[in-house]
Amino acid sequence: MSRVCELTGKKAMVGNNVSHAMNKTKRKFNVNLMKKRFYIPEEDKWITLKVSTSALKNINKKGISAVIKEARASGILTK
């Protein structure tokens, strides 16, 4: 499975390593992903999502139900 956040759609960015001599080589900035289980009381079930740490902060702030609702509205989450 690819390294993509299932709630925000964040994925790896591409950039350069730059040496002191200004030589540039390609590199990847990966997303900080974690596999977490969440309980959804409205549906009375547990779901496992691969989410970024910034998405976890949003879940702590707004609640899992609100974040999933936003993800479905924006078309990122289709379940």
PDB file of N, CA and C in Angstrom:
ATOM      1  N   MET A   1       0.838  -1.179   0.000  1.00  0.00           N
ATOM      2  CA  MET A   1       0.000   0.000   0.000  1.00  0.00           C
ATOM      3  C   MET A   1       0.885   1.245   0.000  1.00  0.00           C
ATOM      4  N   SER A   2       0.446   2.275  -0.677  1.00  0.00           N
ATOM      5  CA  SER A   2       1.245   3.484  -0.782  1.00  0.00           C
ATOM      6  C   SER A   2       1.222   4.280   0.520  1.00  0.00           C
ATOM      7  N   ARG A   3       2.208   5.147   0.674  1.00  0.00           N
ATOM      8  CA  ARG A   3       2.323   5.961   1.885  1.00  0.00           C
ATOM      9  C   ARG A   3       1.505   7.236   1.713  1.00  0.00           C
ATOM     10  N   VAL A   4       0.187   7.095   1.860  1.00  0.00           N
ATOM     11  CA  VAL A   4      -0.742   8.211   1.714  1.00  0.00           C
ATOM     12  C   VAL A   4      -1.663   8.217   2.921  1.00  0.00           C
ATOM     13  N   CYS A   5      -1.891   9.402   3.479  1.00  0.00           N
ATOM     14  CA  CYS A   5      -2.817   9.540   4.596  1.00  0.00           C
ATOM     15  C   CYS A   5      -4.238   9.332   4.082  1.00  0.00           C
ATOM     16  N   GLU A   6      -5.002   8.484   4.769  1.00  0.00           N
ATOM     17  CA  GLU A   6      -6.342   8.141   4.305  1.00  0.00           C
ATOM     18  C   GLU A   6      -7.377   9.217   4.613  1.00  0.00           C
ATOM     19  N   LEU A   7      -7.046  10.175   5.485  1.00  0.00           N
ATOM     20  CA  LEU A   7      -7.999  11.232   5.819  1.00  0.00           C
ATOM     21  C   LEU A   7      -7.680  12.558   5.144  1.00  0.00           C
ATOM     22  N   THR A   8      -6.400  12.893   5.011  1.00  0.00           N
ATOM     23  CA  THR A   8      -6.043  14.187   4.428  1.00  0.00           C
ATOM     24  C   THR A   8      -5.533  14.071   2.999  1.00  0.00           C
ATOM     25  N   GLY A   9      -5.131  12.874   2.575  1.00  0.00           N
ATOM     26  CA  GLY A   9      -4.604  12.693   1.228  1.00  0.00           C
ATOM     27  C   GLY A   9      -3.151  13.111   1.083  1.00  0.00           C
ATOM     28  N   LYS A  10      -2.487  13.406   2.202  1.00  0.00           N
ATOM     29  CA  LYS A  10      -1.082  13.805   2.137  1.00  0.00           C
ATOM     30  C   LYS A  10      -0.236  12.645   1.627  1.00  0.00           C
ATOM     31  N   LYS A  11       0.764  12.969   0.776  1.00  0.00           N
ATOM     32  CA  LYS A  11       1.696  11.950   0.294  1.00  0.00           C
ATOM     33  C   LYS A  11       3.087  12.545   0.189  1.00  0.00           C
ATOM     34  N   ALA A  12       4.045  11.740  -0.200  1.00  0.00           N
ATOM     35  CA  ALA A  12       5.443  12.157  -0.221  1.00  0.00           C
ATOM     36  C   ALA A  12       5.675  13.298  -1.213  1.00  0.00           C
ATOM     37  N   MET A  13       6.581  14.201  -0.823  1.00  0.00           N
ATOM     38  CA  MET A  13       7.004  15.294  -1.706  1.00  0.00           C
ATOM     39  C   MET A  13       8.414  14.991  -2.190  1.00  0.00           C
ATOM     40  N   VAL A  14       8.793  15.577  -3.323  1.00  0.00           N
ATOM     41  CA  VAL A  14      10.124  15.371  -3.889  1.00  0.00           C
ATOM     42  C   VAL A  14      10.898  16.673  -3.776  1.00  0.00           C
ATOM     43  N   GLY A  15      12.173  16.530  -3.431  1.00  0.00           N
ATOM     44  CA  GLY A  15      13.031  17.707  -3.313  1.00  0.00           C
ATOM     45  C   GLY A  15      14.462  17.337  -3.597  1.00  0.00           C
ATOM     46  N   ASN A  16      15.381  18.168  -3.155  1.00  0.00           N
ATOM     47  CA  ASN A  16      16.801  17.948  -3.394  1.00  0.00           C
ATOM     48  C   ASN A  16      17.574  17.926  -2.089  1.00  0.00           C
ATOM     49  N   ASN A  17      18.596  17.038  -2.025  1.00  0.00           N
ATOM     50  CA  ASN A  17      19.644  17.163  -1.030  1.00  0.00           C
ATOM     51  C   ASN A  17      20.639  18.150  -1.615  1.00  0.00           C
ATOM     52  N   VAL A  18      21.032  19.144  -0.862  1.00  0.00           N
ATOM     53  CA  VAL A  18      21.965  20.149  -1.369  1.00  0.00           C
ATOM     54  C   VAL A  18      23.220  20.109  -0.505  1.00  0.00           C
ATOM     55  N   SER A  19      24.354  19.825  -1.144  1.00  0.00           N
ATOM     56  CA  SER A  19      25.615  19.751  -0.418  1.00  0.00           C
ATOM     57  C   SER A  19      26.191  21.155  -0.245  1.00  0.00           C
ATOM     58  N   HIS A  20      27.282  21.226   0.503  1.00  0.00           N
ATOM     59  CA  HIS A  20      27.949  22.513   0.716  1.00  0.00           C
ATOM     60  C   HIS A  20      28.445  23.098  -0.607  1.00  0.00           C
ATOM     61  N   ALA A  21      28.800  22.208  -1.550  1.00  0.00           N
ATOM     62  CA  ALA A  21      29.267  22.637  -2.871  1.00  0.00           C
ATOM     63  C   ALA A  21      28.096  22.878  -3.832  1.00  0.00           C
ATOM     64  N   MET A  22      26.867  22.896  -3.295  1.00  0.00           N
ATOM     65  CA  MET A  22      25.637  23.134  -4.060  1.00  0.00           C
ATOM     66  C   MET A  22      25.334  22.033  -5.079  1.00  0.00           C
ATOM     67  N   ASN A  23      25.875  20.820  -4.870  1.00  0.00           N
ATOM     68  CA  ASN A  23      25.484  19.682  -5.698  1.00  0.00           C
ATOM     69  C   ASN A  23      24.100  19.240  -5.253  1.00  0.00           C
ATOM     70  N   LYS A  24      23.254  18.912  -6.203  1.00  0.00           N
ATOM     71  CA  LYS A  24      21.883  18.549  -5.878  1.00  0.00           C
ATOM     72  C   LYS A  24      21.594  17.114  -6.311  1.00  0.00           C
ATOM     73  N   THR A  25      21.035  16.335  -5.387  1.00  0.00           N
ATOM     74  CA  THR A  25      20.575  14.985  -5.686  1.00  0.00           C
ATOM     75  C   THR A  25      19.137  14.854  -5.201  1.00  0.00           C
ATOM     76  N   LYS A  26      18.347  14.082  -5.929  1.00  0.00           N
ATOM     77  CA  LYS A  26      16.931  13.939  -5.600  1.00  0.00           C
ATOM     78  C   LYS A  26      16.758  13.216  -4.268  1.00  0.00           C
ATOM     79  N   ARG A  27      15.727  13.592  -3.540  1.00  0.00           N
ATOM     80  CA  ARG A  27      15.344  12.931  -2.296  1.00  0.00           C
ATOM     81  C   ARG A  27      13.842  13.010  -2.141  1.00  0.00           C
ATOM     82  N   LYS A  28      13.332  12.273  -1.159  1.00  0.00           N
ATOM     83  CA  LYS A  28      11.890  12.214  -0.913  1.00  0.00           C
ATOM     84  C   LYS A  28      11.616  12.647   0.523  1.00  0.00           C
ATOM     85  N   PHE A  29      10.594  13.480   0.699  1.00  0.00           N
ATOM     86  CA  PHE A  29      10.112  13.864   2.020  1.00  0.00           C
ATOM     87  C   PHE A  29       8.864  13.034   2.287  1.00  0.00           C
ATOM     88  N   ASN A  30       8.996  11.951   3.070  1.00  0.00           N
ATOM     89  CA  ASN A  30       7.860  11.082   3.351  1.00  0.00           C
ATOM     90  C   ASN A  30       6.945  11.696   4.404  1.00  0.00           C
ATOM     91  N   VAL A  31       5.710  11.253   4.401  1.00  0.00           N
ATOM     92  CA  VAL A  31       4.717  11.702   5.370  1.00  0.00           C
ATOM     93  C   VAL A  31       4.893  10.876   6.644  1.00  0.00           C
ATOM     94  N   ASN A  32       4.698  11.505   7.778  1.00  0.00           N
ATOM     95  CA  ASN A  32       4.777  10.816   9.067  1.00  0.00           C
ATOM     96  C   ASN A  32       3.451  10.101   9.309  1.00  0.00           C
ATOM     97  N   LEU A  33       3.383   8.814   8.919  1.00  0.00           N
ATOM     98  CA  LEU A  33       2.135   8.049   9.001  1.00  0.00           C
ATOM     99  C   LEU A  33       2.138   7.106  10.188  1.00  0.00           C
ATOM    100  N   MET A  34       0.955   6.888  10.739  1.00  0.00           N
ATOM    101  CA  MET A  34       0.758   5.937  11.824  1.00  0.00           C
ATOM    102  C   MET A  34      -0.510   5.143  11.541  1.00  0.00           C
ATOM    103  N   LYS A  35      -0.480   3.878  11.903  1.00  0.00           N
ATOM    104  CA  LYS A  35      -1.663   3.033  11.765  1.00  0.00           C
ATOM    105  C   LYS A  35      -2.395   3.063  13.102  1.00  0.00           C
ATOM    106  N   LYS A  36      -3.636   3.551  13.096  1.00  0.00           N
ATOM    107  CA  LYS A  36      -4.392   3.724  14.332  1.00  0.00           C
ATOM    108  C   LYS A  36      -5.789   3.133  14.190  1.00  0.00           C
ATOM    109  N   ARG A  37      -6.320   2.655  15.318  1.00  0.00           N
ATOM    110  CA  ARG A  37      -7.699   2.180  15.374  1.00  0.00           C
ATOM    111  C   ARG A  37      -8.550   3.244  16.041  1.00  0.00           C
ATOM    112  N   PHE A  38      -9.717   3.498  15.456  1.00  0.00           N
ATOM    113  CA  PHE A  38     -10.637   4.493  15.987  1.00  0.00           C
ATOM    114  C   PHE A  38     -11.999   3.852  16.181  1.00  0.00           C
ATOM    115  N   TYR A  39     -12.678   4.245  17.257  1.00  0.00           N
ATOM    116  CA  TYR A  39     -14.041   3.776  17.512  1.00  0.00           C
ATOM    117  C   TYR A  39     -15.002   4.859  17.055  1.00  0.00           C
ATOM    118  N   ILE A  40     -15.962   4.456  16.227  1.00  0.00           N
ATOM    119  CA  ILE A  40     -16.983   5.383  15.740  1.00  0.00           C
ATOM    120  C   ILE A  40     -18.294   5.024  16.432  1.00  0.00           C
ATOM    121  N   PRO A  41     -18.724   5.854  17.400  1.00  0.00           N
ATOM    122  CA  PRO A  41     -19.925   5.502  18.167  1.00  0.00           C
ATOM    123  C   PRO A  41     -21.210   5.512  17.339  1.00  0.00           C
ATOM    124  N   GLU A  42     -21.298   6.366  16.299  1.00  0.00           N
ATOM    125  CA  GLU A  42     -22.511   6.423  15.476  1.00  0.00           C
ATOM    126  C   GLU A  42     -22.742   5.106  14.744  1.00  0.00           C
ATOM    127  N   GLU A  43     -21.652   4.489  14.274  1.00  0.00           N
ATOM    128  CA  GLU A  43     -21.759   3.227  13.544  1.00  0.00           C
ATOM    129  C   GLU A  43     -21.501   2.031  14.451  1.00  0.00           C
ATOM    130  N   ASP A  44     -21.097   2.275  15.705  1.00  0.00           N
ATOM    131  CA  ASP A  44     -20.815   1.243  16.698  1.00  0.00           C
ATOM    132  C   ASP A  44     -19.802   0.227  16.181  1.00  0.00           C
ATOM    133  N   LYS A  45     -18.677   0.732  15.615  1.00  0.00           N
ATOM    134  CA  LYS A  45     -17.637  -0.175  15.135  1.00  0.00           C
ATOM    135  C   LYS A  45     -16.260   0.488  15.209  1.00  0.00           C
ATOM    136  N   TRP A  46     -15.243  -0.342  15.142  1.00  0.00           N
ATOM    137  CA  TRP A  46     -13.851   0.100  15.129  1.00  0.00           C
ATOM    138  C   TRP A  46     -13.362   0.101  13.690  1.00  0.00           C
ATOM    139  N   ILE A  47     -12.575   1.117  13.318  1.00  0.00           N
ATOM    140  CA  ILE A  47     -11.950   1.137  11.997  1.00  0.00           C
ATOM    141  C   ILE A  47     -10.453   1.385  12.176  1.00  0.00           C
ATOM    142  N   THR A  48      -9.658   0.842  11.278  1.00  0.00           N
ATOM    143  CA  THR A  48      -8.217   1.053  11.285  1.00  0.00           C
ATOM    144  C   THR A  48      -7.865   1.930  10.099  1.00  0.00           C
ATOM    145  N   LEU A  49      -7.170   3.024  10.372  1.00  0.00           N
ATOM    146  CA  LEU A  49      -6.780   3.964   9.322  1.00  0.00           C
ATOM    147  C   LEU A  49      -5.286   4.226   9.394  1.00  0.00           C
ATOM    148  N   LYS A  50      -4.690   4.473   8.234  1.00  0.00           N
ATOM    149  CA  LYS A  50      -3.305   4.918   8.173  1.00  0.00           C
ATOM    150  C   LYS A  50      -3.347   6.440   8.016  1.00  0.00           C
ATOM    151  N   VAL A  51      -3.047   7.159   9.105  1.00  0.00           N
ATOM    152  CA  VAL A  51      -3.206   8.606   9.117  1.00  0.00           C
ATOM    153  C   VAL A  51      -1.886   9.297   9.442  1.00  0.00           C
ATOM    154  N   SER A  52      -1.761  10.532   8.974  1.00  0.00           N
ATOM    155  CA  SER A  52      -0.601  11.345   9.301  1.00  0.00           C
ATOM    156  C   SER A  52      -0.760  11.900  10.713  1.00  0.00           C
ATOM    157  N   THR A  53       0.342  12.336  11.287  1.00  0.00           N
ATOM    158  CA  THR A  53       0.281  12.860  12.652  1.00  0.00           C
ATOM    159  C   THR A  53      -0.489  14.176  12.691  1.00  0.00           C
ATOM    160  N   SER A  54      -0.472  14.936  11.609  1.00  0.00           N
ATOM    161  CA  SER A  54      -1.272  16.159  11.577  1.00  0.00           C
ATOM    162  C   SER A  54      -2.761  15.826  11.549  1.00  0.00           C
ATOM    163  N   ALA A  55      -3.140  14.723  10.902  1.00  0.00           N
ATOM    164  CA  ALA A  55      -4.536  14.289  10.913  1.00  0.00           C
ATOM    165  C   ALA A  55      -4.940  13.835  12.314  1.00  0.00           C
ATOM    166  N   LEU A  56      -4.004  13.220  13.053  1.00  0.00           N
ATOM    167  CA  LEU A  56      -4.293  12.826  14.437  1.00  0.00           C
ATOM    168  C   LEU A  56      -4.579  14.047  15.300  1.00  0.00           C
ATOM    169  N   LYS A  57      -3.845  15.130  15.067  1.00  0.00           N
ATOM    170  CA  LYS A  57      -4.091  16.362  15.818  1.00  0.00           C
ATOM    171  C   LYS A  57      -5.478  16.912  15.498  1.00  0.00           C
ATOM    172  N   ASN A  58      -5.890  16.828  14.230  1.00  0.00           N
ATOM    173  CA  ASN A  58      -7.234  17.256  13.842  1.00  0.00           C
ATOM    174  C   ASN A  58      -8.300  16.388  14.495  1.00  0.00           C
ATOM    175  N   ILE A  59      -8.041  15.077  14.573  1.00  0.00           N
ATOM    176  CA  ILE A  59      -8.996  14.169  15.197  1.00  0.00           C
ATOM    177  C   ILE A  59      -9.134  14.487  16.674  1.00  0.00           C
ATOM    178  N   ASN A  60      -8.015  14.777  17.348  1.00  0.00           N
ATOM    179  CA  ASN A  60      -8.076  15.137  18.765  1.00  0.00           C
ATOM    180  C   ASN A  60      -8.840  16.439  18.976  1.00  0.00           C
ATOM    181  N   LYS A  61      -8.736  17.349  18.020  1.00  0.00           N
ATOM    182  CA  LYS A  61      -9.384  18.657  18.149  1.00  0.00           C
ATOM    183  C   LYS A  61     -10.874  18.598  17.810  1.00  0.00           C
ATOM    184  N   LYS A  62     -11.222  17.986  16.658  1.00  0.00           N
ATOM    185  CA  LYS A  62     -12.591  18.015  16.150  1.00  0.00           C
ATOM    186  C   LYS A  62     -13.397  16.760  16.465  1.00  0.00           C
ATOM    187  N   GLY A  63     -12.714  15.628  16.623  1.00  0.00           N
ATOM    188  CA  GLY A  63     -13.400  14.352  16.817  1.00  0.00           C
ATOM    189  C   GLY A  63     -13.365  13.534  15.537  1.00  0.00           C
ATOM    190  N   ILE A  64     -13.339  12.220  15.680  1.00  0.00           N
ATOM    191  CA  ILE A  64     -13.205  11.328  14.527  1.00  0.00           C
ATOM    192  C   ILE A  64     -14.393  11.431  13.575  1.00  0.00           C
ATOM    193  N   SER A  65     -15.599  11.599  14.101  1.00  0.00           N
ATOM    194  CA  SER A  65     -16.780  11.652  13.244  1.00  0.00           C
ATOM    195  C   SER A  65     -16.748  12.862  12.323  1.00  0.00           C
ATOM    196  N   ALA A  66     -16.362  14.015  12.851  1.00  0.00           N
ATOM    197  CA  ALA A  66     -16.309  15.238  12.041  1.00  0.00           C
ATOM    198  C   ALA A  66     -15.226  15.143  10.970  1.00  0.00           C
ATOM    199  N   VAL A  67     -14.083  14.577  11.316  1.00  0.00           N
ATOM    200  CA  VAL A  67     -12.975  14.475  10.359  1.00  0.00           C
ATOM    201  C   VAL A  67     -13.328  13.504   9.236  1.00  0.00           C
ATOM    202  N   ILE A  68     -13.960  12.387   9.580  1.00  0.00           N
ATOM    203  CA  ILE A  68     -14.374  11.422   8.547  1.00  0.00           C
ATOM    204  C   ILE A  68     -15.434  12.038   7.642  1.00  0.00           C
ATOM    205  N   LYS A  69     -16.343  12.808   8.224  1.00  0.00           N
ATOM    206  CA  LYS A  69     -17.380  13.482   7.430  1.00  0.00           C
ATOM    207  C   LYS A  69     -16.753  14.445   6.420  1.00  0.00           C
ATOM    208  N   GLU A  70     -15.739  15.213   6.857  1.00  0.00           N
ATOM    209  CA  GLU A  70     -15.030  16.138   5.951  1.00  0.00           C
ATOM    210  C   GLU A  70     -14.296  15.383   4.856  1.00  0.00           C
ATOM    211  N   ALA A  71     -13.650  14.269   5.207  1.00  0.00           N
ATOM    212  CA  ALA A  71     -12.902  13.484   4.220  1.00  0.00           C
ATOM    213  C   ALA A  71     -13.830  12.892   3.169  1.00  0.00           C
ATOM    214  N   ARG A  72     -15.005  12.438   3.593  1.00  0.00           N
ATOM    215  CA  ARG A  72     -15.981  11.908   2.631  1.00  0.00           C
ATOM    216  C   ARG A  72     -16.522  13.007   1.736  1.00  0.00           C
ATOM    217  N   ALA A  73     -16.736  14.201   2.294  1.00  0.00           N
ATOM    218  CA  ALA A  73     -17.257  15.327   1.509  1.00  0.00           C
ATOM    219  C   ALA A  73     -16.246  15.789   0.463  1.00  0.00           C
ATOM    220  N   SER A  74     -14.962  15.743   0.800  1.00  0.00           N
ATOM    221  CA  SER A  74     -13.933  16.171  -0.154  1.00  0.00           C
ATOM    222  C   SER A  74     -13.538  15.059  -1.120  1.00  0.00           C
ATOM    223  N   GLY A  75     -14.043  13.844  -0.921  1.00  0.00           N
ATOM    224  CA  GLY A  75     -13.775  12.736  -1.856  1.00  0.00           C
ATOM    225  C   GLY A  75     -12.530  11.940  -1.560  1.00  0.00           C
ATOM    226  N   ILE A  76     -11.871  12.190  -0.439  1.00  0.00           N
ATOM    227  CA  ILE A  76     -10.651  11.457  -0.109  1.00  0.00           C
ATOM    228  C   ILE A  76     -10.998  10.080   0.436  1.00  0.00           C
ATOM    229  N   LEU A  77     -11.964  10.005   1.317  1.00  0.00           N
ATOM    230  CA  LEU A  77     -12.385   8.741   1.921  1.00  0.00           C
ATOM    231  C   LEU A  77     -13.674   8.300   1.248  1.00  0.00           C
ATOM    232  N   THR A  78     -13.704   7.051   0.755  1.00  0.00           N
ATOM    233  CA  THR A  78     -14.873   6.596   0.007  1.00  0.00           C
ATOM    234  C   THR A  78     -15.634   5.491   0.708  1.00  0.00           C
ATOM    235  N   LYS A  79     -15.218   5.083   1.906  1.00  0.00           N
ATOM    236  CA  LYS A  79     -15.882   3.968   2.601  1.00  0.00           C
ATOM    237  C   LYS A  79     -17.200   4.392   3.189  1.00  0.00           C
TER     238      LYS A  79
END
